[in-house]
Amino acid sequence: MNTMKLDSYKAKIEYDSDLDMFRGEVLGINGGADFYGQNPSELRKGFRNSLNIFLEVCAEKGISPTKEYPGKLNLRIDPKLHSNISIQALAEEKSLNQWIIDTLENSLHNPA
C-alpha cells in the first residue's frame, strides 16, 4: 500500500483505472475524506483541501476528527503460533503482551 502523510494524518493512495487517476483516502478519521490527482503534486493539494474541509466540518459539528482506540486488541490465532510466540517471549524474558507490543512497534519502524 502506498501512503502519503500530511501533518499527523496519513492517506492510502491507489490507482483508479476507471478514472485514470490516483485516489487518496485519509485513514484513522471519524468519517470519510478522499481526494484525487494525476500526480503527486495534485494528490498533495487534494489531500490538503479534503482534509481542511473535513476538519472544518468536524469543528462545526463538535466532532473529534480522529478515531479513538481503547488500547485493547483481541486476536484469534492458530494455537501453534500462540505457543511459538509465548515461548519466544519467555526466551526474551518478556510478557507475551510486551513481546507483541515490541514486535508490532518494530514492524512499524522497520517495514519489510
PDB file of N, CA and C in Angstrom:
ATOM      1  N   MET A   1       0.851  -1.176   0.000  1.00  0.00           N
ATOM      2  CA  MET A   1       0.000   0.000   0.000  1.00  0.00           C
ATOM      3  C   MET A   1       0.896   1.239   0.000  1.00  0.00           C
ATOM      4  N   ASN A   2       0.602   2.162  -0.857  1.00  0.00           N
ATOM      5  CA  ASN A   2       1.304   3.441  -0.879  1.00  0.00           C
ATOM      6  C   ASN A   2       0.578   4.411   0.035  1.00  0.00           C
ATOM      7  N   THR A   3       1.349   5.183   0.800  1.00  0.00           N
ATOM      8  CA  THR A   3       0.744   6.157   1.700  1.00  0.00           C
ATOM      9  C   THR A   3       1.356   7.532   1.474  1.00  0.00           C
ATOM     10  N   MET A   4       0.602   8.520   1.905  1.00  0.00           N
ATOM     11  CA  MET A   4       1.047   9.907   1.853  1.00  0.00           C
ATOM     12  C   MET A   4       0.747  10.497   3.225  1.00  0.00           C
ATOM     13  N   LYS A   5       1.656  11.305   3.750  1.00  0.00           N
ATOM     14  CA  LYS A   5       1.469  11.898   5.070  1.00  0.00           C
ATOM     15  C   LYS A   5       1.347  13.412   4.939  1.00  0.00           C
ATOM     16  N   LEU A   6       0.429  13.971   5.722  1.00  0.00           N
ATOM     17  CA  LEU A   6       0.236  15.412   5.787  1.00  0.00           C
ATOM     18  C   LEU A   6      -0.023  15.751   7.245  1.00  0.00           C
ATOM     19  N   ASP A   7       0.866  16.522   7.846  1.00  0.00           N
ATOM     20  CA  ASP A   7       0.802  16.809   9.279  1.00  0.00           C
ATOM     21  C   ASP A   7       0.803  15.466  10.015  1.00  0.00           C
ATOM     22  N   SER A   8      -0.178  15.218  10.861  1.00  0.00           N
ATOM     23  CA  SER A   8      -0.230  13.940  11.579  1.00  0.00           C
ATOM     24  C   SER A   8      -1.185  12.951  10.925  1.00  0.00           C
ATOM     25  N   TYR A   9      -1.653  13.246   9.729  1.00  0.00           N
ATOM     26  CA  TYR A   9      -2.617  12.391   9.031  1.00  0.00           C
ATOM     27  C   TYR A   9      -1.923  11.602   7.920  1.00  0.00           C
ATOM     28  N   LYS A  10      -2.435  10.389   7.704  1.00  0.00           N
ATOM     29  CA  LYS A  10      -1.933   9.542   6.621  1.00  0.00           C
ATOM     30  C   LYS A  10      -3.102   9.181   5.711  1.00  0.00           C
ATOM     31  N   ALA A  11      -2.761   8.983   4.443  1.00  0.00           N
ATOM     32  CA  ALA A  11      -3.762   8.553   3.472  1.00  0.00           C
ATOM     33  C   ALA A  11      -3.179   7.413   2.653  1.00  0.00           C
ATOM     34  N   LYS A  12      -4.033   6.461   2.309  1.00  0.00           N
ATOM     35  CA  LYS A  12      -3.581   5.422   1.387  1.00  0.00           C
ATOM     36  C   LYS A  12      -3.871   5.909  -0.024  1.00  0.00           C
ATOM     37  N   ILE A  13      -2.967   5.583  -0.919  1.00  0.00           N
ATOM     38  CA  ILE A  13      -3.068   6.020  -2.309  1.00  0.00           C
ATOM     39  C   ILE A  13      -3.194   4.790  -3.199  1.00  0.00           C
ATOM     40  N   GLU A  14      -4.196   4.807  -4.074  1.00  0.00           N
ATOM     41  CA  GLU A  14      -4.409   3.717  -5.018  1.00  0.00           C
ATOM     42  C   GLU A  14      -4.707   4.297  -6.389  1.00  0.00           C
ATOM     43  N   TYR A  15      -4.434   3.496  -7.393  1.00  0.00           N
ATOM     44  CA  TYR A  15      -4.733   3.916  -8.761  1.00  0.00           C
ATOM     45  C   TYR A  15      -6.152   3.500  -9.113  1.00  0.00           C
ATOM     46  N   ASP A  16      -6.942   4.432  -9.633  1.00  0.00           N
ATOM     47  CA  ASP A  16      -8.304   4.166 -10.084  1.00  0.00           C
ATOM     48  C   ASP A  16      -8.274   4.090 -11.604  1.00  0.00           C
ATOM     49  N   SER A  17      -8.322   2.871 -12.136  1.00  0.00           N
ATOM     50  CA  SER A  17      -8.206   2.687 -13.587  1.00  0.00           C
ATOM     51  C   SER A  17      -9.422   3.227 -14.333  1.00  0.00           C
ATOM     52  N   ASP A  18     -10.589   3.267 -13.689  1.00  0.00           N
ATOM     53  CA  ASP A  18     -11.778   3.807 -14.351  1.00  0.00           C
ATOM     54  C   ASP A  18     -11.632   5.298 -14.629  1.00  0.00           C
ATOM     55  N   LEU A  19     -11.006   6.016 -13.699  1.00  0.00           N
ATOM     56  CA  LEU A  19     -10.830   7.458 -13.847  1.00  0.00           C
ATOM     57  C   LEU A  19      -9.456   7.824 -14.413  1.00  0.00           C
ATOM     58  N   ASP A  20      -8.555   6.843 -14.464  1.00  0.00           N
ATOM     59  CA  ASP A  20      -7.173   7.065 -14.873  1.00  0.00           C
ATOM     60  C   ASP A  20      -6.534   8.152 -14.012  1.00  0.00           C
ATOM     61  N   MET A  21      -6.784   8.032 -12.692  1.00  0.00           N
ATOM     62  CA  MET A  21      -6.235   8.968 -11.707  1.00  0.00           C
ATOM     63  C   MET A  21      -5.872   8.192 -10.447  1.00  0.00           C
ATOM     64  N   PHE A  22      -5.120   8.837  -9.603  1.00  0.00           N
ATOM     65  CA  PHE A  22      -4.821   8.273  -8.294  1.00  0.00           C
ATOM     66  C   PHE A  22      -5.851   8.789  -7.299  1.00  0.00           C
ATOM     67  N   ARG A  23      -6.260   7.889  -6.393  1.00  0.00           N
ATOM     68  CA  ARG A  23      -7.246   8.239  -5.371  1.00  0.00           C
ATOM     69  C   ARG A  23      -6.589   8.081  -4.008  1.00  0.00           C
ATOM     70  N   GLY A  24      -6.799   9.068  -3.157  1.00  0.00           N
ATOM     71  CA  GLY A  24      -6.315   9.002  -1.792  1.00  0.00           C
ATOM     72  C   GLY A  24      -7.477   8.948  -0.825  1.00  0.00           C
ATOM     73  N   GLU A  25      -7.291   8.222   0.256  1.00  0.00           N
ATOM     74  CA  GLU A  25      -8.304   8.131   1.304  1.00  0.00           C
ATOM     75  C   GLU A  25      -7.616   8.337   2.648  1.00  0.00           C
ATOM     76  N   VAL A  26      -8.059   9.349   3.400  1.00  0.00           N
ATOM     77  CA  VAL A  26      -7.458   9.654   4.700  1.00  0.00           C
ATOM     78  C   VAL A  26      -7.830   8.540   5.680  1.00  0.00           C
ATOM     79  N   LEU A  27      -6.841   8.076   6.425  1.00  0.00           N
ATOM     80  CA  LEU A  27      -7.011   6.944   7.335  1.00  0.00           C
ATOM     81  C   LEU A  27      -7.137   7.401   8.788  1.00  0.00           C
ATOM     82  N   GLY A  28      -7.884   6.623   9.578  1.00  0.00           N
ATOM     83  CA  GLY A  28      -7.957   6.857  11.019  1.00  0.00           C
ATOM     84  C   GLY A  28      -8.788   8.043  11.443  1.00  0.00           C
ATOM     85  N   ILE A  29      -9.748   8.430  10.605  1.00  0.00           N
ATOM     86  CA  ILE A  29     -10.585   9.582  10.946  1.00  0.00           C
ATOM     87  C   ILE A  29     -12.028   9.146  11.176  1.00  0.00           C
ATOM     88  N   ASN A  30     -12.795  10.005  11.823  1.00  0.00           N
ATOM     89  CA  ASN A  30     -14.214   9.752  12.108  1.00  0.00           C
ATOM     90  C   ASN A  30     -15.079  10.190  10.934  1.00  0.00           C
ATOM     91  N   GLY A  31     -14.958   9.518   9.836  1.00  0.00           N
ATOM     92  CA  GLY A  31     -15.727   9.858   8.653  1.00  0.00           C
ATOM     93  C   GLY A  31     -14.907   9.564   7.422  1.00  0.00           C
ATOM     94  N   GLY A  32     -15.319  10.118   6.328  1.00  0.00           N
ATOM     95  CA  GLY A  32     -14.613   9.877   5.077  1.00  0.00           C
ATOM     96  C   GLY A  32     -14.065  11.160   4.486  1.00  0.00           C
ATOM     97  N   ALA A  33     -12.865  11.057   3.963  1.00  0.00           N
ATOM     98  CA  ALA A  33     -12.254  12.179   3.254  1.00  0.00           C
ATOM     99  C   ALA A  33     -11.358  11.576   2.179  1.00  0.00           C
ATOM    100  N   ASP A  34     -11.744  11.775   0.936  1.00  0.00           N
ATOM    101  CA  ASP A  34     -10.921  11.257  -0.147  1.00  0.00           C
ATOM    102  C   ASP A  34     -10.576  12.377  -1.116  1.00  0.00           C
ATOM    103  N   PHE A  35      -9.647  12.086  -2.004  1.00  0.00           N
ATOM    104  CA  PHE A  35      -9.162  13.099  -2.937  1.00  0.00           C
ATOM    105  C   PHE A  35      -8.539  12.400  -4.132  1.00  0.00           C
ATOM    106  N   TYR A  36      -8.374  13.144  -5.213  1.00  0.00           N
ATOM    107  CA  TYR A  36      -7.850  12.587  -6.462  1.00  0.00           C
ATOM    108  C   TYR A  36      -6.755  13.477  -7.028  1.00  0.00           C
ATOM    109  N   GLY A  37      -5.913  12.888  -7.840  1.00  0.00           N
ATOM    110  CA  GLY A  37      -4.886  13.638  -8.535  1.00  0.00           C
ATOM    111  C   GLY A  37      -4.228  12.774  -9.597  1.00  0.00           C
ATOM    112  N   GLN A  38      -3.638  13.429 -10.573  1.00  0.00           N
ATOM    113  CA  GLN A  38      -2.954  12.697 -11.641  1.00  0.00           C
ATOM    114  C   GLN A  38      -1.467  12.526 -11.358  1.00  0.00           C
ATOM    115  N   ASN A  39      -0.966  13.229 -10.346  1.00  0.00           N
ATOM    116  CA  ASN A  39       0.448  13.140  -9.999  1.00  0.00           C
ATOM    117  C   ASN A  39       0.600  13.493  -8.510  1.00  0.00           C
ATOM    118  N   PRO A  40       1.790  13.298  -7.950  1.00  0.00           N
ATOM    119  CA  PRO A  40       1.975  13.566  -6.515  1.00  0.00           C
ATOM    120  C   PRO A  40       1.623  14.989  -6.096  1.00  0.00           C
ATOM    121  N   SER A  41       1.934  15.967  -6.925  1.00  0.00           N
ATOM    122  CA  SER A  41       1.632  17.359  -6.582  1.00  0.00           C
ATOM    123  C   SER A  41       0.124  17.576  -6.465  1.00  0.00           C
ATOM    124  N   GLU A  42      -0.634  17.058  -7.423  1.00  0.00           N
ATOM    125  CA  GLU A  42      -2.094  17.180  -7.367  1.00  0.00           C
ATOM    126  C   GLU A  42      -2.662  16.414  -6.180  1.00  0.00           C
ATOM    127  N   LEU A  43      -2.065  15.259  -5.875  1.00  0.00           N
ATOM    128  CA  LEU A  43      -2.536  14.483  -4.725  1.00  0.00           C
ATOM    129  C   LEU A  43      -2.313  15.253  -3.423  1.00  0.00           C
ATOM    130  N   ARG A  44      -1.136  15.849  -3.266  1.00  0.00           N
ATOM    131  CA  ARG A  44      -0.859  16.618  -2.042  1.00  0.00           C
ATOM    132  C   ARG A  44      -1.830  17.793  -1.902  1.00  0.00           C
ATOM    133  N   LYS A  45      -2.100  18.480  -3.003  1.00  0.00           N
ATOM    134  CA  LYS A  45      -3.038  19.606  -2.972  1.00  0.00           C
ATOM    135  C   LYS A  45      -4.445  19.113  -2.624  1.00  0.00           C
ATOM    136  N   GLY A  46      -4.850  18.018  -3.242  1.00  0.00           N
ATOM    137  CA  GLY A  46      -6.164  17.452  -2.952  1.00  0.00           C
ATOM    138  C   GLY A  46      -6.271  16.970  -1.513  1.00  0.00           C
ATOM    139  N   PHE A  47      -5.207  16.369  -1.020  1.00  0.00           N
ATOM    140  CA  PHE A  47      -5.158  15.906   0.369  1.00  0.00           C
ATOM    141  C   PHE A  47      -5.380  17.087   1.299  1.00  0.00           C
ATOM    142  N   ARG A  48      -4.643  18.169   1.091  1.00  0.00           N
ATOM    143  CA  ARG A  48      -4.755  19.364   1.940  1.00  0.00           C
ATOM    144  C   ARG A  48      -6.182  19.918   1.901  1.00  0.00           C
ATOM    145  N   ASN A  49      -6.741  20.059   0.698  1.00  0.00           N
ATOM    146  CA  ASN A  49      -8.094  20.612   0.574  1.00  0.00           C
ATOM    147  C   ASN A  49      -9.134  19.722   1.237  1.00  0.00           C
ATOM    148  N   SER A  50      -9.077  18.426   0.956  1.00  0.00           N
ATOM    149  CA  SER A  50     -10.042  17.494   1.527  1.00  0.00           C
ATOM    150  C   SER A  50      -9.942  17.448   3.047  1.00  0.00           C
ATOM    151  N   LEU A  51      -8.724  17.420   3.554  1.00  0.00           N
ATOM    152  CA  LEU A  51      -8.522  17.381   4.999  1.00  0.00           C
ATOM    153  C   LEU A  51      -9.022  18.663   5.657  1.00  0.00           C
ATOM    154  N   ASN A  52      -8.737  19.812   5.058  1.00  0.00           N
ATOM    155  CA  ASN A  52      -9.211  21.084   5.623  1.00  0.00           C
ATOM    156  C   ASN A  52     -10.728  21.127   5.692  1.00  0.00           C
ATOM    157  N   ILE A  53     -11.402  20.693   4.645  1.00  0.00           N
ATOM    158  CA  ILE A  53     -12.874  20.666   4.646  1.00  0.00           C
ATOM    159  C   ILE A  53     -13.380  19.727   5.730  1.00  0.00           C
ATOM    160  N   PHE A  54     -12.777  18.540   5.814  1.00  0.00           N
ATOM    161  CA  PHE A  54     -13.181  17.567   6.822  1.00  0.00           C
ATOM    162  C   PHE A  54     -13.007  18.146   8.231  1.00  0.00           C
ATOM    163  N   LEU A  55     -11.870  18.784   8.493  1.00  0.00           N
ATOM    164  CA  LEU A  55     -11.611  19.349   9.822  1.00  0.00           C
ATOM    165  C   LEU A  55     -12.576  20.491  10.147  1.00  0.00           C
ATOM    166  N   GLU A  56     -12.929  21.294   9.146  1.00  0.00           N
ATOM    167  CA  GLU A  56     -13.901  22.375   9.356  1.00  0.00           C
ATOM    168  C   GLU A  56     -15.263  21.807   9.735  1.00  0.00           C
ATOM    169  N   VAL A  57     -15.697  20.772   9.036  1.00  0.00           N
ATOM    170  CA  VAL A  57     -16.994  20.148   9.333  1.00  0.00           C
ATOM    171  C   VAL A  57     -16.974  19.555  10.744  1.00  0.00           C
ATOM    172  N   CYS A  58     -15.889  18.906  11.113  1.00  0.00           N
ATOM    173  CA  CYS A  58     -15.774  18.347  12.466  1.00  0.00           C
ATOM    174  C   CYS A  58     -15.873  19.447  13.517  1.00  0.00           C
ATOM    175  N   ALA A  59     -15.189  20.556  13.277  1.00  0.00           N
ATOM    176  CA  ALA A  59     -15.224  21.673  14.229  1.00  0.00           C
ATOM    177  C   ALA A  59     -16.639  22.238  14.346  1.00  0.00           C
ATOM    178  N   GLU A  60     -17.320  22.401  13.216  1.00  0.00           N
ATOM    179  CA  GLU A  60     -18.689  22.933  13.226  1.00  0.00           C
ATOM    180  C   GLU A  60     -19.641  22.023  13.987  1.00  0.00           C
ATOM    181  N   LYS A  61     -19.455  20.701  13.861  1.00  0.00           N
ATOM    182  CA  LYS A  61     -20.355  19.732  14.489  1.00  0.00           C
ATOM    183  C   LYS A  61     -19.882  19.299  15.874  1.00  0.00           C
ATOM    184  N   GLY A  62     -18.714  19.771  16.298  1.00  0.00           N
ATOM    185  CA  GLY A  62     -18.188  19.390  17.600  1.00  0.00           C
ATOM    186  C   GLY A  62     -17.760  17.933  17.677  1.00  0.00           C
ATOM    187  N   ILE A  63     -17.272  17.404  16.568  1.00  0.00           N
ATOM    188  CA  ILE A  63     -16.865  16.003  16.487  1.00  0.00           C
ATOM    189  C   ILE A  63     -15.336  15.930  16.485  1.00  0.00           C
ATOM    190  N   SER A  64     -14.801  14.960  17.208  1.00  0.00           N
ATOM    191  CA  SER A  64     -13.358  14.716  17.152  1.00  0.00           C
ATOM    192  C   SER A  64     -13.016  14.184  15.759  1.00  0.00           C
ATOM    193  N   PRO A  65     -12.024  14.756  15.095  1.00  0.00           N
ATOM    194  CA  PRO A  65     -11.709  14.308  13.736  1.00  0.00           C
ATOM    195  C   PRO A  65     -11.069  12.925  13.670  1.00  0.00           C
ATOM    196  N   THR A  66     -10.401  12.507  14.729  1.00  0.00           N
ATOM    197  CA  THR A  66      -9.716  11.217  14.681  1.00  0.00           C
ATOM    198  C   THR A  66     -10.456  10.164  15.498  1.00  0.00           C
ATOM    199  N   LYS A  67     -10.342   8.927  15.045  1.00  0.00           N
ATOM    200  CA  LYS A  67     -10.931   7.811  15.771  1.00  0.00           C
ATOM    201  C   LYS A  67     -10.173   7.611  17.062  1.00  0.00           C
ATOM    202  N   GLU A  68     -10.894   7.242  18.089  1.00  0.00           N
ATOM    203  CA  GLU A  68     -10.281   6.919  19.374  1.00  0.00           C
ATOM    204  C   GLU A  68     -10.205   5.400  19.483  1.00  0.00           C
ATOM    205  N   TYR A  69      -9.074   4.905  19.930  1.00  0.00           N
ATOM    206  CA  TYR A  69      -8.877   3.472  20.092  1.00  0.00           C
ATOM    207  C   TYR A  69      -8.664   3.172  21.566  1.00  0.00           C
ATOM    208  N   PRO A  70      -9.318   2.120  22.093  1.00  0.00           N
ATOM    209  CA  PRO A  70      -9.243   1.842  23.532  1.00  0.00           C
ATOM    210  C   PRO A  70      -7.915   1.257  24.007  1.00  0.00           C
ATOM    211  N   GLY A  71      -7.090   0.758  23.103  1.00  0.00           N
ATOM    212  CA  GLY A  71      -5.823   0.160  23.511  1.00  0.00           C
ATOM    213  C   GLY A  71      -5.935  -1.319  23.841  1.00  0.00           C
ATOM    214  N   LYS A  72      -7.073  -1.900  23.555  1.00  0.00           N
ATOM    215  CA  LYS A  72      -7.265  -3.341  23.751  1.00  0.00           C
ATOM    216  C   LYS A  72      -7.480  -3.968  22.382  1.00  0.00           C
ATOM    217  N   LEU A  73      -6.874  -5.119  22.185  1.00  0.00           N
ATOM    218  CA  LEU A  73      -6.947  -5.782  20.898  1.00  0.00           C
ATOM    219  C   LEU A  73      -7.101  -7.279  21.127  1.00  0.00           C
ATOM    220  N   ASN A  74      -8.179  -7.862  20.636  1.00  0.00           N
ATOM    221  CA  ASN A  74      -8.388  -9.304  20.741  1.00  0.00           C
ATOM    222  C   ASN A  74      -7.978  -9.961  19.437  1.00  0.00           C
ATOM    223  N   LEU A  75      -7.177 -11.003  19.551  1.00  0.00           N
ATOM    224  CA  LEU A  75      -6.705 -11.717  18.364  1.00  0.00           C
ATOM    225  C   LEU A  75      -7.157 -13.167  18.412  1.00  0.00           C
ATOM    226  N   ARG A  76      -7.441 -13.712  17.252  1.00  0.00           N
ATOM    227  CA  ARG A  76      -7.690 -15.141  17.112  1.00  0.00           C
ATOM    228  C   ARG A  76      -6.561 -15.679  16.251  1.00  0.00           C
ATOM    229  N   ILE A  77      -5.724 -16.507  16.841  1.00  0.00           N
ATOM    230  CA  ILE A  77      -4.579 -17.041  16.112  1.00  0.00           C
ATOM    231  C   ILE A  77      -4.516 -18.554  16.280  1.00  0.00           C
ATOM    232  N   ASP A  78      -3.775 -19.178  15.403  1.00  0.00           N
ATOM    233  CA  ASP A  78      -3.566 -20.615  15.456  1.00  0.00           C
ATOM    234  C   ASP A  78      -2.893 -20.970  16.791  1.00  0.00           C
ATOM    235  N   PRO A  79      -3.342 -22.031  17.453  1.00  0.00           N
ATOM    236  CA  PRO A  79      -2.738 -22.417  18.730  1.00  0.00           C
ATOM    237  C   PRO A  79      -1.223 -22.653  18.647  1.00  0.00           C
ATOM    238  N   LYS A  80      -0.739 -23.188  17.535  1.00  0.00           N
ATOM    239  CA  LYS A  80       0.700 -23.413  17.381  1.00  0.00           C
ATOM    240  C   LYS A  80       1.448 -22.074  17.357  1.00  0.00           C
ATOM    241  N   LEU A  81       0.898 -21.082  16.657  1.00  0.00           N
ATOM    242  CA  LEU A  81       1.512 -19.754  16.643  1.00  0.00           C
ATOM    243  C   LEU A  81       1.510 -19.166  18.055  1.00  0.00           C
ATOM    244  N   HIS A  82       0.398 -19.333  18.759  1.00  0.00           N
ATOM    245  CA  HIS A  82       0.295 -18.844  20.140  1.00  0.00           C
ATOM    246  C   HIS A  82       1.404 -19.461  20.988  1.00  0.00           C
ATOM    247  N   SER A  83       1.596 -20.773  20.851  1.00  0.00           N
ATOM    248  CA  SER A  83       2.644 -21.463  21.585  1.00  0.00           C
ATOM    249  C   SER A  83       4.022 -20.927  21.219  1.00  0.00           C
ATOM    250  N   ASN A  84       4.275 -20.762  19.921  1.00  0.00           N
ATOM    251  CA  ASN A  84       5.588 -20.305  19.458  1.00  0.00           C
ATOM    252  C   ASN A  84       5.923 -18.900  19.954  1.00  0.00           C
ATOM    253  N   ILE A  85       4.961 -17.994  19.892  1.00  0.00           N
ATOM    254  CA  ILE A  85       5.267 -16.632  20.338  1.00  0.00           C
ATOM    255  C   ILE A  85       5.355 -16.553  21.860  1.00  0.00           C
ATOM    256  N   SER A  86       4.611 -17.388  22.557  1.00  0.00           N
ATOM    257  CA  SER A  86       4.727 -17.433  24.024  1.00  0.00           C
ATOM    258  C   SER A  86       6.110 -17.917  24.435  1.00  0.00           C
ATOM    259  N   ILE A  87       6.615 -18.934  23.753  1.00  0.00           N
ATOM    260  CA  ILE A  87       7.952 -19.450  24.038  1.00  0.00           C
ATOM    261  C   ILE A  87       9.007 -18.393  23.718  1.00  0.00           C
ATOM    262  N   GLN A  88       8.834 -17.693  22.591  1.00  0.00           N
ATOM    263  CA  GLN A  88       9.782 -16.636  22.226  1.00  0.00           C
ATOM    264  C   GLN A  88       9.781 -15.523  23.267  1.00  0.00           C
ATOM    265  N   ALA A  89       8.603 -15.139  23.736  1.00  0.00           N
ATOM    266  CA  ALA A  89       8.503 -14.097  24.760  1.00  0.00           C
ATOM    267  C   ALA A  89       9.224 -14.533  26.036  1.00  0.00           C
ATOM    268  N   LEU A  90       9.020 -15.773  26.445  1.00  0.00           N
ATOM    269  CA  LEU A  90       9.709 -16.288  27.624  1.00  0.00           C
ATOM    270  C   LEU A  90      11.224 -16.277  27.427  1.00  0.00           C
ATOM    271  N   ALA A  91      11.671 -16.666  26.242  1.00  0.00           N
ATOM    272  CA  ALA A  91      13.102 -16.690  25.941  1.00  0.00           C
ATOM    273  C   ALA A  91      13.710 -15.294  26.036  1.00  0.00           C
ATOM    274  N   GLU A  92      12.911 -14.280  25.707  1.00  0.00           N
ATOM    275  CA  GLU A  92      13.383 -12.892  25.776  1.00  0.00           C
ATOM    276  C   GLU A  92      13.064 -12.246  27.122  1.00  0.00           C
ATOM    277  N   GLU A  93      12.541 -13.049  28.045  1.00  0.00           N
ATOM    278  CA  GLU A  93      12.185 -12.593  29.392  1.00  0.00           C
ATOM    279  C   GLU A  93      11.207 -11.416  29.353  1.00  0.00           C
ATOM    280  N   LYS A  94      10.204 -11.587  28.518  1.00  0.00           N
ATOM    281  CA  LYS A  94       9.150 -10.579  28.384  1.00  0.00           C
ATOM    282  C   LYS A  94       7.803 -11.258  28.581  1.00  0.00           C
ATOM    283  N   SER A  95       6.820 -10.454  28.966  1.00  0.00           N
ATOM    284  CA  SER A  95       5.455 -10.972  28.956  1.00  0.00           C
ATOM    285  C   SER A  95       5.028 -11.113  27.497  1.00  0.00           C
ATOM    286  N   LEU A  96       4.047 -11.940  27.264  1.00  0.00           N
ATOM    287  CA  LEU A  96       3.540 -12.099  25.903  1.00  0.00           C
ATOM    288  C   LEU A  96       3.037 -10.761  25.375  1.00  0.00           C
ATOM    289  N   ASN A  97       2.344 -10.012  26.221  1.00  0.00           N
ATOM    290  CA  ASN A  97       1.829  -8.704  25.824  1.00  0.00           C
ATOM    291  C   ASN A  97       2.967  -7.768  25.398  1.00  0.00           C
ATOM    292  N   GLN A  98       4.032  -7.702  26.212  1.00  0.00           N
ATOM    293  CA  GLN A  98       5.151  -6.808  25.885  1.00  0.00           C
ATOM    294  C   GLN A  98       5.867  -7.267  24.626  1.00  0.00           C
ATOM    295  N   TRP A  99       6.009  -8.583  24.449  1.00  0.00           N
ATOM    296  CA  TRP A  99       6.665  -9.099  23.240  1.00  0.00           C
ATOM    297  C   TRP A  99       5.882  -8.699  21.989  1.00  0.00           C
ATOM    298  N   ILE A 100       4.561  -8.823  22.051  1.00  0.00           N
ATOM    299  CA  ILE A 100       3.717  -8.454  20.902  1.00  0.00           C
ATOM    300  C   ILE A 100       3.818  -6.949  20.641  1.00  0.00           C
ATOM    301  N   ILE A 101       3.754  -6.142  21.686  1.00  0.00           N
ATOM    302  CA  ILE A 101       3.886  -4.684  21.519  1.00  0.00           C
ATOM    303  C   ILE A 101       5.222  -4.344  20.866  1.00  0.00           C
ATOM    304  N   ASP A 102       6.312  -4.904  21.388  1.00  0.00           N
ATOM    305  CA  ASP A 102       7.640  -4.631  20.832  1.00  0.00           C
ATOM    306  C   ASP A 102       7.731  -5.057  19.368  1.00  0.00           C
ATOM    307  N   THR A 103       7.177  -6.217  19.060  1.00  0.00           N
ATOM    308  CA  THR A 103       7.220  -6.727  17.689  1.00  0.00           C
ATOM    309  C   THR A 103       6.413  -5.842  16.746  1.00  0.00           C
ATOM    310  N   LEU A 104       5.244  -5.421  17.170  1.00  0.00           N
ATOM    311  CA  LEU A 104       4.423  -4.538  16.335  1.00  0.00           C
ATOM    312  C   LEU A 104       5.095  -3.184  16.132  1.00  0.00           C
ATOM    313  N   GLU A 105       5.631  -2.604  17.200  1.00  0.00           N
ATOM    314  CA  GLU A 105       6.329  -1.316  17.062  1.00  0.00           C
ATOM    315  C   GLU A 105       7.527  -1.433  16.139  1.00  0.00           C
ATOM    316  N   ASN A 106       8.273  -2.520  16.262  1.00  0.00           N
ATOM    317  CA  ASN A 106       9.432  -2.743  15.394  1.00  0.00           C
ATOM    318  C   ASN A 106       9.002  -2.865  13.933  1.00  0.00           C
ATOM    319  N   SER A 107       7.882  -3.519  13.682  1.00  0.00           N
ATOM    320  CA  SER A 107       7.432  -3.676  12.292  1.00  0.00           C
ATOM    321  C   SER A 107       6.987  -2.343  11.697  1.00  0.00           C
ATOM    322  N   LEU A 108       6.484  -1.430  12.517  1.00  0.00           N
ATOM    323  CA  LEU A 108       6.107  -0.112  12.024  1.00  0.00           C
ATOM    324  C   LEU A 108       7.321   0.746  11.707  1.00  0.00           C
ATOM    325  N   HIS A 109       8.367   0.613  12.528  1.00  0.00           N
ATOM    326  CA  HIS A 109       9.574   1.426  12.332  1.00  0.00           C
ATOM    327  C   HIS A 109      10.528   0.831  11.324  1.00  0.00           C
ATOM    328  N   ASN A 110      10.408  -0.469  11.082  1.00  0.00           N
ATOM    329  CA  ASN A 110      11.311  -1.164  10.145  1.00  0.00           C
ATOM    330  C   ASN A 110      10.497  -2.045   9.203  1.00  0.00           C
ATOM    331  N   PRO A 111       9.655  -1.443   8.355  1.00  0.00           N
ATOM    332  CA  PRO A 111       8.819  -2.262   7.464  1.00  0.00           C
ATOM    333  C   PRO A 111       9.686  -3.089   6.507  1.00  0.00           C
ATOM    334  N   ALA A 112       9.129  -4.227   6.155  1.00  0.00           N
ATOM    335  CA  ALA A 112       9.853  -5.143   5.250  1.00  0.00           C
ATOM    336  C   ALA A 112      10.011  -4.585   3.867  1.00  0.00           C
TER     337      ALA A 112
END
